[in-house]
Protein backbone atom coordinates (compact mmCIF):
# COMPACT_ATOMS: atom_id res chain seq x y z
CA MET A 1 -63.93 -43.30 -100.80
CA VAL A 2 -61.46 -41.07 -102.69
CA GLN A 3 -64.40 -40.10 -105.11
CA GLN A 4 -66.78 -39.58 -102.32
CA TYR A 5 -64.52 -36.81 -101.02
CA ARG A 6 -63.92 -35.50 -104.59
CA GLY A 7 -60.44 -36.52 -104.62
CA HIS A 8 -58.45 -37.72 -107.66
CA LEU A 9 -56.11 -40.59 -108.01
CA PRO A 10 -52.45 -39.85 -109.20
CA SER A 11 -51.65 -40.72 -112.76
CA ASP A 12 -49.80 -43.90 -111.70
CA GLY A 13 -52.75 -45.17 -109.71
CA ALA A 14 -53.45 -45.56 -105.95
CA GLN A 15 -50.18 -45.40 -103.98
CA ILE A 16 -50.70 -48.69 -102.15
CA MET A 17 -47.56 -50.86 -102.35
CA LEU A 18 -46.51 -54.21 -100.88
CA ASN A 19 -42.98 -53.82 -99.70
CA ASN A 20 -40.46 -54.46 -96.89
CA THR A 21 -40.69 -51.13 -95.06
CA LEU A 22 -37.48 -51.73 -93.08
CA GLU A 23 -35.07 -52.35 -96.10
CA SER A 24 -32.66 -49.76 -97.35
CA PRO A 25 -34.16 -46.85 -99.38
CA HIS A 26 -30.84 -46.48 -101.12
CA GLU A 27 -29.86 -49.85 -102.04
CA ARG A 28 -30.09 -50.78 -105.77
CA ILE A 29 -32.95 -53.08 -106.74
CA PRO A 30 -31.82 -56.01 -108.98
CA GLU A 31 -33.80 -56.59 -112.21
CA LEU A 32 -36.24 -59.42 -111.83
CA PRO A 33 -37.20 -62.05 -114.47
CA LEU A 34 -40.17 -61.27 -116.70
CA LEU A 35 -42.39 -63.40 -114.62
CA TYR A 36 -41.91 -61.17 -111.58
CA GLN A 37 -41.66 -57.74 -113.19
CA SER A 38 -44.93 -56.57 -111.77
CA LYS A 39 -43.61 -57.12 -108.31
CA GLY A 40 -40.39 -55.57 -109.17
CA LEU A 41 -42.18 -52.43 -110.43
CA GLU A 42 -44.12 -52.21 -107.26
CA HIS A 43 -40.91 -52.59 -105.33
CA LYS A 44 -39.42 -49.66 -107.23
CA ARG A 45 -42.50 -47.44 -106.64
CA ALA A 46 -42.26 -48.12 -102.95
CA LYS A 47 -38.46 -47.33 -102.93
CA ARG A 48 -39.09 -44.13 -104.70
CA VAL A 49 -41.61 -43.14 -101.96
CA LYS A 50 -39.14 -44.06 -99.14
CA ASP A 51 -36.29 -42.22 -100.78
CA THR A 52 -37.76 -39.14 -102.54
CA VAL A 53 -41.35 -38.48 -101.41
CA PRO A 54 -41.98 -36.67 -98.14
CA VAL A 55 -44.39 -38.28 -95.64
CA LEU A 56 -46.58 -36.21 -93.50
CA VAL A 57 -48.64 -38.82 -91.63
CA CYS A 58 -47.60 -42.43 -90.75
CA LEU A 59 -50.23 -44.65 -89.20
CA GLY A 60 -50.11 -48.38 -88.51
CA ASN A 61 -50.29 -51.39 -86.22
CA PRO A 62 -46.83 -52.85 -86.89
CA PRO A 63 -46.00 -56.38 -85.77
CA TYR A 64 -44.52 -56.62 -82.36
CA ASP A 65 -42.38 -59.70 -81.43
CA ARG A 66 -38.92 -60.22 -80.01
CA HIS A 67 -37.36 -62.27 -82.67
CA ALA A 68 -34.82 -64.92 -82.73
CA ALA A 69 -31.07 -64.19 -82.21
CA ALA A 70 -29.67 -62.08 -85.03
CA THR A 71 -27.16 -63.42 -87.44
CA LYS A 72 -25.59 -62.34 -90.62
CA GLU A 73 -27.99 -64.73 -92.48
CA ASN A 74 -31.13 -63.37 -91.05
CA GLN A 75 -30.57 -59.58 -91.04
CA THR A 76 -33.69 -59.09 -93.33
CA LEU A 77 -35.86 -60.51 -90.55
CA THR A 78 -34.10 -58.87 -87.64
CA GLY A 79 -34.49 -55.14 -88.59
CA SER A 80 -32.98 -55.06 -91.92
CA TRP A 81 -31.54 -51.59 -92.86
CA VAL A 82 -33.03 -49.95 -89.68
CA ARG A 83 -30.95 -52.04 -87.36
CA TRP A 84 -28.08 -52.90 -89.65
CA GLY A 85 -27.47 -49.93 -91.89
CA GLU A 86 -25.83 -49.74 -95.29
CA LEU A 87 -22.70 -51.29 -93.95
CA LYS A 88 -24.57 -54.34 -92.56
CA ASP A 89 -22.68 -54.11 -89.23
CA GLY A 90 -25.11 -51.72 -87.42
CA LYS A 91 -22.44 -49.03 -86.99
CA ASP A 92 -24.22 -46.61 -89.39
CA ALA A 93 -27.81 -47.83 -88.67
CA ILE A 94 -30.45 -45.33 -87.52
CA LEU A 95 -31.40 -47.63 -84.68
CA GLU A 96 -28.07 -46.69 -83.03
CA ASP A 97 -29.94 -43.42 -81.91
CA PHE A 98 -32.02 -45.73 -79.72
CA ILE A 99 -29.08 -47.91 -78.66
CA ALA A 100 -26.27 -45.59 -77.71
CA PRO A 101 -28.11 -43.76 -74.76
CA VAL A 102 -29.04 -47.10 -73.18
CA ARG A 103 -25.37 -48.14 -73.22
CA ALA A 104 -24.24 -44.70 -72.04
CA ALA A 105 -26.59 -45.03 -69.04
CA GLY A 106 -25.10 -48.33 -68.06
CA LYS A 107 -28.24 -50.28 -69.04
CA GLY A 108 -26.67 -52.18 -71.94
CA GLY A 109 -27.81 -55.59 -70.36
CA SER A 110 -31.39 -54.74 -71.05
CA LEU A 111 -30.92 -53.99 -74.67
CA LYS A 112 -32.25 -57.57 -75.62
CA ASN A 113 -35.73 -56.09 -74.95
CA LEU A 114 -35.25 -53.34 -77.56
CA TYR A 115 -34.71 -55.73 -80.42
CA ASN A 116 -38.38 -56.00 -81.19
CA LEU A 117 -40.16 -55.63 -84.62
CA TYR A 118 -42.33 -52.82 -83.40
CA VAL A 119 -39.29 -50.73 -82.29
CA TYR A 120 -37.80 -51.05 -85.81
CA PHE A 121 -41.04 -49.64 -87.25
CA TRP A 122 -41.08 -46.70 -84.82
CA ARG A 123 -37.58 -45.90 -85.68
CA TRP A 124 -38.27 -45.97 -89.35
CA ALA A 125 -41.44 -43.98 -89.18
CA LEU A 126 -39.68 -41.25 -86.94
CA TRP A 127 -36.91 -41.06 -89.52
CA LYS A 128 -39.11 -40.94 -92.50
CA THR A 129 -41.63 -38.32 -91.04
CA PHE A 130 -39.30 -36.12 -88.92
CA GLU A 131 -35.68 -36.79 -90.07
CA HIS A 132 -35.56 -37.45 -93.78
CA ASP A 133 -33.92 -34.76 -95.99
CA LEU A 134 -37.24 -33.88 -97.19
CA ALA A 135 -38.99 -33.75 -93.74
CA ALA A 136 -38.43 -30.19 -92.75
CA GLY A 137 -42.02 -29.38 -91.61
CA PRO A 138 -44.81 -30.77 -89.51
CA GLY A 139 -45.88 -34.43 -89.31
CA ILE A 140 -47.68 -37.16 -87.37
CA VAL A 141 -46.82 -40.71 -86.44
CA SER A 142 -49.46 -42.74 -84.71
CA PHE A 143 -49.06 -46.47 -83.89
CA ILE A 144 -50.72 -48.97 -81.79
CA THR A 145 -47.99 -51.31 -80.47
CA ALA A 146 -46.73 -53.12 -77.54
CA SER A 147 -46.34 -50.75 -74.55
CA SER A 148 -43.14 -51.88 -73.10
CA PHE A 149 -41.36 -48.59 -74.43
CA ILE A 150 -43.43 -46.54 -71.93
CA ASP A 151 -41.05 -47.16 -69.05
CA GLY A 152 -38.68 -49.98 -69.87
CA ASP A 153 -34.89 -49.35 -69.30
CA ALA A 154 -34.14 -50.78 -72.81
CA PHE A 155 -36.27 -48.00 -74.42
CA LEU A 156 -34.85 -44.86 -72.59
CA GLY A 157 -32.94 -44.04 -75.81
CA MET A 158 -36.15 -44.40 -77.79
CA ARG A 159 -37.99 -42.05 -75.38
CA THR A 160 -35.11 -39.57 -75.62
CA HIS A 161 -35.19 -39.51 -79.35
CA MET A 162 -38.95 -39.21 -79.59
CA ARG A 163 -38.79 -36.23 -77.18
CA GLN A 164 -36.06 -34.70 -79.60
CA VAL A 165 -37.76 -34.96 -82.86
CA CYS A 166 -41.43 -34.33 -81.67
CA ASP A 167 -43.16 -31.42 -80.11
CA GLU A 168 -46.01 -33.27 -78.37
CA ILE A 169 -46.71 -36.87 -77.68
CA TRP A 170 -50.00 -38.57 -76.42
CA VAL A 171 -49.98 -42.11 -75.01
CA ILE A 172 -53.23 -44.03 -74.55
CA ASP A 173 -52.27 -47.12 -72.39
CA LEU A 174 -54.77 -49.90 -73.09
CA GLY A 175 -53.21 -52.45 -70.67
CA GLY A 176 -53.76 -56.04 -71.70
CA GLU A 177 -51.28 -57.89 -69.60
CA GLY A 178 -52.10 -61.58 -70.08
CA ARG A 179 -49.37 -63.01 -67.89
CA GLY A 180 -48.62 -62.93 -64.15
CA THR A 181 -50.89 -62.26 -61.24
CA ARG A 182 -52.45 -59.00 -62.42
CA MET A 183 -53.92 -60.01 -65.76
CA ASP A 184 -56.05 -57.65 -67.61
CA GLU A 185 -58.17 -58.02 -70.77
CA ASN A 186 -56.58 -57.02 -73.97
CA VAL A 187 -58.24 -55.28 -76.92
CA PHE A 188 -56.51 -57.93 -79.15
CA ALA A 189 -56.43 -61.68 -78.70
CA ILE A 190 -52.87 -61.54 -77.34
CA LYS A 191 -51.05 -61.46 -73.92
CA THR A 192 -48.91 -58.46 -74.65
CA PRO A 193 -50.04 -55.07 -73.16
CA VAL A 194 -50.63 -52.57 -75.93
CA ALA A 195 -50.80 -48.71 -76.21
CA ILE A 196 -51.84 -46.18 -78.86
CA THR A 197 -49.29 -43.37 -79.34
CA VAL A 198 -49.65 -40.14 -81.28
CA ALA A 199 -46.54 -38.14 -81.87
CA VAL A 200 -46.75 -34.76 -83.53
CA ARG A 201 -44.38 -32.02 -84.78
CA TYR A 202 -45.93 -28.68 -85.50
CA GLY A 203 -43.18 -27.21 -87.65
CA GLY A 204 -39.38 -27.49 -87.96
CA PRO A 205 -37.25 -29.49 -85.58
CA GLN A 206 -36.50 -28.11 -82.09
CA LEU A 207 -34.02 -30.79 -80.89
CA ASN A 208 -33.03 -28.96 -77.66
CA ILE A 209 -36.58 -28.71 -76.29
CA PRO A 210 -38.06 -32.08 -75.04
CA ALA A 211 -41.60 -32.85 -76.37
CA LYS A 212 -44.57 -32.49 -73.89
CA VAL A 213 -45.81 -35.98 -73.14
CA HIS A 214 -49.38 -36.79 -72.09
CA TYR A 215 -50.41 -40.09 -70.65
CA THR A 216 -53.79 -41.63 -69.79
CA ARG A 217 -54.99 -45.27 -69.28
CA ILE A 218 -58.24 -46.80 -70.22
CA GLU A 219 -59.31 -49.49 -67.69
CA GLY A 220 -61.98 -52.12 -67.95
CA THR A 221 -62.95 -55.21 -69.87
CA ARG A 222 -62.09 -55.59 -73.50
CA SER A 223 -65.67 -54.35 -74.59
CA ILE A 224 -65.39 -51.21 -72.31
CA LYS A 225 -61.96 -50.34 -73.75
CA LEU A 226 -63.20 -50.82 -77.40
CA HIS A 227 -66.35 -48.81 -76.69
CA SER A 228 -64.27 -45.92 -75.11
CA LEU A 229 -62.24 -45.71 -78.19
CA GLU A 230 -65.21 -46.03 -80.44
CA ILE A 231 -67.07 -42.99 -78.93
CA LEU A 232 -63.87 -40.86 -78.86
CA GLN A 233 -64.13 -37.73 -80.87
CA SER A 234 -61.02 -35.92 -79.73
CA LEU A 235 -58.05 -36.38 -77.52
CA ASN A 236 -59.63 -33.77 -75.27
CA ASP A 237 -62.28 -36.34 -74.40
CA LEU A 238 -59.74 -38.23 -72.38
CA ALA A 239 -58.15 -37.14 -68.99
CA PHE A 240 -54.49 -37.03 -69.58
CA SER A 241 -51.71 -36.43 -67.14
CA ILE A 242 -48.47 -34.71 -67.89
CA CYS A 243 -45.34 -36.82 -67.77
CA PRO A 244 -41.83 -35.71 -66.53
CA ASN A 245 -39.91 -33.72 -69.11
CA GLU A 246 -36.49 -35.34 -68.48
CA TRP A 247 -35.14 -36.64 -71.85
CA ASN A 248 -35.20 -40.37 -70.95
CA ALA A 249 -37.92 -40.32 -68.36
CA PRO A 250 -40.81 -42.75 -68.65
CA PHE A 251 -43.87 -41.91 -70.64
CA ARG A 252 -45.93 -42.06 -67.49
CA PRO A 253 -46.67 -39.48 -64.89
CA GLU A 254 -44.62 -39.40 -61.62
CA GLU A 255 -46.01 -41.29 -58.79
CA LYS A 256 -46.89 -39.37 -55.63
CA GLY A 257 -46.67 -40.13 -51.90
CA SER A 258 -43.80 -41.02 -49.51
CA TYR A 259 -43.38 -44.29 -51.40
CA VAL A 260 -41.72 -42.34 -54.38
CA SER A 261 -38.90 -41.12 -52.08
CA TRP A 262 -37.90 -44.73 -50.99
CA PRO A 263 -34.73 -46.21 -52.58
CA LEU A 264 -35.23 -48.55 -55.39
CA LEU A 265 -34.70 -52.18 -54.67
CA THR A 266 -32.26 -52.31 -57.53
CA ASP A 267 -30.17 -49.48 -55.84
CA LEU A 268 -30.09 -51.48 -52.54
CA ILE A 269 -29.29 -54.78 -54.36
CA PRO A 270 -27.35 -53.62 -57.48
CA TRP A 271 -26.83 -57.20 -58.79
CA GLN A 272 -29.84 -58.81 -60.40
CA HIS A 273 -30.35 -61.97 -62.07
CA SER A 274 -33.46 -63.40 -63.95
CA GLY A 275 -33.77 -66.21 -61.32
CA VAL A 276 -33.86 -69.98 -61.51
CA GLN A 277 -34.29 -71.21 -65.08
CA ALA A 278 -34.50 -75.00 -64.64
CA LYS A 279 -35.79 -75.50 -68.19
CA ARG A 280 -37.31 -78.86 -66.91
CA VAL A 281 -40.28 -79.70 -64.72
CA TRP A 282 -39.03 -82.29 -62.26
CA PRO A 283 -37.17 -79.92 -59.91
CA ILE A 284 -40.59 -78.35 -59.07
CA GLY A 285 -42.40 -80.59 -56.59
CA THR A 286 -46.06 -80.45 -55.36
CA THR A 287 -44.92 -81.28 -51.81
CA LYS A 288 -41.64 -81.15 -49.87
CA ASN A 289 -41.72 -85.01 -49.73
CA VAL A 290 -42.05 -85.55 -53.50
CA LEU A 291 -39.25 -83.01 -54.11
CA ASN A 292 -37.08 -84.77 -51.60
CA LYS A 293 -37.56 -88.14 -53.20
CA ARG A 294 -36.76 -86.82 -56.53
CA TRP A 295 -33.63 -85.26 -55.27
CA GLN A 296 -32.43 -88.38 -53.56
CA HIS A 297 -33.19 -90.47 -56.64
CA MET A 298 -31.09 -88.00 -58.75
CA LEU A 299 -28.03 -88.26 -56.32
CA LYS A 300 -28.25 -92.01 -56.90
CA SER A 301 -28.62 -91.85 -60.68
CA ASN A 302 -26.38 -90.77 -63.52
CA ARG A 303 -26.45 -87.09 -63.01
CA ALA A 304 -25.42 -86.26 -66.57
CA GLU A 305 -28.52 -88.21 -67.83
CA CYS A 306 -30.78 -86.41 -65.39
CA PHE A 307 -30.11 -83.01 -66.95
CA LYS A 308 -30.49 -83.99 -70.59
CA ASP A 309 -33.41 -82.23 -72.30
CA ARG A 310 -34.92 -85.54 -73.43
CA LEU A 311 -35.52 -86.58 -69.86
CA ARG A 312 -38.06 -83.89 -68.87
CA THR A 313 -41.10 -86.31 -68.44
CA ILE A 314 -41.73 -87.55 -64.92
CA TYR A 315 -43.63 -90.85 -64.64
CA ARG A 316 -45.76 -91.28 -61.46
CA ILE A 317 -45.70 -94.73 -59.95
CA TYR A 318 -48.20 -95.52 -57.17
CA ALA A 319 -46.58 -97.37 -54.32
CA ALA A 320 -48.43 -98.89 -51.39
CA ASP A 321 -46.10 -97.23 -48.88
CA ASP A 322 -46.01 -93.86 -50.63
CA PRO A 323 -48.90 -92.76 -52.87
CA GLU A 324 -46.89 -89.60 -53.87
CA TYR A 325 -43.78 -91.41 -54.89
CA TYR A 326 -42.42 -90.28 -58.33
CA ARG A 327 -39.51 -91.84 -60.13
CA ILE A 328 -37.64 -90.66 -63.28
CA ILE A 329 -37.80 -93.22 -66.01
CA TYR A 330 -35.32 -92.85 -68.75
CA PRO A 331 -36.91 -93.85 -72.17
CA PRO A 332 -34.49 -96.14 -74.26
CA LYS A 333 -32.61 -94.48 -76.96
CA SER A 334 -33.91 -95.41 -80.33
CA PRO A 335 -31.15 -95.66 -82.87
CA ARG A 336 -31.57 -93.15 -85.71
CA LYS A 337 -30.39 -93.68 -89.27
CA SER A 338 -27.77 -90.99 -90.25
CA PRO A 339 -28.47 -89.31 -93.54
CA PRO A 340 -26.00 -89.84 -96.30
CA GLN A 341 -24.13 -86.61 -95.84
CA VAL A 342 -23.31 -87.43 -92.23
CA LYS A 343 -22.23 -90.93 -93.09
CA GLY A 344 -19.85 -89.45 -95.57
CA LEU A 345 -18.60 -86.87 -93.04
CA LEU A 346 -17.91 -89.72 -90.59
CA LYS A 347 -15.78 -91.51 -93.18
CA ALA A 348 -13.91 -88.38 -94.28
CA LEU A 349 -13.07 -87.19 -90.76
CA LYS A 350 -9.51 -88.40 -89.84
CA GLY A 351 -8.22 -87.38 -86.55
CA GLU A 352 -8.95 -83.70 -85.94
CA MET A 353 -9.92 -81.56 -88.93
CA ASN A 354 -11.12 -78.00 -89.34
CA ARG A 355 -14.07 -76.84 -91.39
CA ASP A 356 -12.04 -75.82 -94.53
CA GLU A 357 -10.23 -79.21 -94.56
CA LEU A 358 -13.53 -81.03 -94.40
CA GLN A 359 -15.13 -78.86 -97.16
CA VAL A 360 -12.08 -79.51 -99.34
CA ALA A 361 -12.57 -83.17 -98.92
CA PHE A 362 -16.11 -83.05 -100.03
CA GLY A 363 -15.43 -80.42 -102.77
CA LEU A 364 -17.88 -77.91 -101.24
CA GLN A 365 -17.61 -74.13 -101.13
CA ASP A 366 -20.93 -73.00 -99.57
CA ARG A 367 -20.12 -72.74 -95.81
CA LYS A 368 -23.74 -72.38 -94.71
CA SER A 369 -24.92 -75.55 -96.73
CA PHE A 370 -22.04 -77.51 -95.33
CA SER A 371 -22.91 -76.39 -91.81
CA GLU A 372 -26.67 -77.17 -92.12
CA ARG A 373 -26.38 -80.53 -94.01
CA TYR A 374 -23.15 -82.06 -92.61
CA LEU A 375 -21.84 -80.39 -89.34
CA LYS A 376 -24.94 -79.63 -87.33
CA PRO A 377 -26.71 -82.98 -87.92
CA ALA A 378 -23.53 -84.77 -86.93
CA LEU A 379 -23.02 -82.52 -83.79
CA ASN A 380 -26.72 -82.99 -82.78
CA ALA A 381 -26.52 -86.68 -83.10
CA GLU A 382 -23.36 -86.72 -80.90
CA LEU A 383 -21.32 -88.44 -83.68
CA ILE A 384 -18.62 -85.68 -83.78
CA GLU A 385 -17.57 -83.11 -81.23
CA MET A 386 -15.72 -79.84 -81.19
CA THR A 387 -12.10 -79.57 -79.94
CA ILE A 388 -12.96 -76.26 -78.37
CA PRO A 389 -16.66 -76.54 -77.41
CA GLU A 390 -16.65 -73.39 -75.21
CA LYS A 391 -15.85 -71.28 -78.23
CA PRO A 392 -17.91 -72.61 -81.18
CA ASN A 393 -16.85 -69.81 -83.63
CA SER A 394 -13.16 -69.96 -82.79
CA ARG A 395 -10.98 -69.80 -85.93
CA LEU A 396 -8.96 -72.68 -84.34
CA GLN A 397 -11.95 -74.93 -84.12
CA LYS A 398 -11.60 -78.50 -85.24
CA TYR A 399 -13.84 -81.58 -85.17
CA ARG A 400 -13.32 -85.16 -84.25
CA LEU A 401 -15.30 -88.35 -83.92
CA THR A 402 -16.92 -89.21 -80.69
CA GLY A 403 -17.06 -92.84 -79.30
CA ARG A 404 -20.66 -93.19 -80.87
CA GLY A 405 -19.28 -91.85 -84.15
CA ARG A 406 -16.49 -94.36 -84.30
CA LYS A 407 -18.97 -97.17 -83.89
CA ARG A 408 -20.98 -96.11 -86.91
C-alpha cells in the first residue's frame, strides 16, 4: 500500500511495533539475553517513539474491560504508568487529571467505573497527541470504545480534560446494550454499548475554551449500523446535535420538555445503594409459597451453613402434599488432603504468630510466595485463622490454628 501511494519506508523499516502502550516512556529498559534481543530492540524502538517522536494521529480499538482490583503486584495489568506514574503510587500519574475533578465534584464513590482499560488508552492518546513536550500543534485521536464516558459521573473528569485539550469532538453513539430490558444489537459480539469518537485539535492548545462537542446516534440492527458506517463519506453525512459546553457536561445533547426541569431522583433521595446482592439463588422464589417454605426451613437450620457459598444449589423434592416444596440439602464435606507446605505450616504454628515469625521458621524471604503457597491455602481450608479478621492487612495481624487445624 505504501508503494501504491508512492511512499517510502524509513531506513529502519516499517514503524510497526509490538509493545505495552501504557508503560512508562521514561523508564530504563533492561538488557535482555541474546535469545530475546530482537524483542528488546523492538521494545526500544517503541519507547523511542513514545518518548521522542511526535504523533499527529492516534487511531484504535483499545480493549475495554473493568479489571480486577488493583494491587502493587498487578500494576502492569491495571493501567501501568498511566494510572500509577513514575512513583508507582498514582500521585504523579497522568490519569489523575481524570480522577481529581470527580473527587472534587463529590462523586468519588463512582470512580470504580473509571478504572477501565479503554480509559487508560484514551488518557495515553490525549497525552501523546496533545500534551507531550513535542505536541505543540494539531492532532487527531479517534477510538471506538465503550460508550460509558458519554454521560457517566465517573467520567466527568475525562470529559473536562477532553474539552480542555481539544477544539472539536464528534461522538457517534452505536448503542449495543446487551443487558437489561432495552437491549439493542451491537456491532460487535459483545454486550457493552460502544461509540466512535473523533477528537481534533486544529493548532496550539486553548485550555480556557471548551471544545465544541457534536453527538449523533445510529439506530437499527447490527447490519443497518454497519451499512450506515460503510457508506459514510464524511462526518457531514450524519445529523449531529450540539452538546452543552459546560466543562464536565455529558457528551450528549440536552433533553427538551418539562421533564428536564423536574428534580433528579438522586437529589430527592441523596443516599443510594446498589440494592440487594444476595450472591446466591435460593432467596429468589418463583412463588410466595416457595419462598416462605425456604425461609422457614432456614430459620430451623444452621444459619451459618445456609449462607456459605458452597450451598447455593437448591434441590427440588416433590411431595404429595406440596408439589412446589423445595428443601436445601447440604452436600457432605469431602476431606481434602493438605499440600506439604500447609502441613508444615500447621506444625510450625505455635500459639499466635505473625507472618515474619512464620517466614523465619521456614527460612523464607519472599512474602508473596509465602502468602500464595502457605497462608492463603491454609486460610481457605479453614485450618488457620487471623487474630484480627476485620483488618487483614494490619501490621499487628497474627495467625493461629482453628479447631479443624488442630485435628490435622
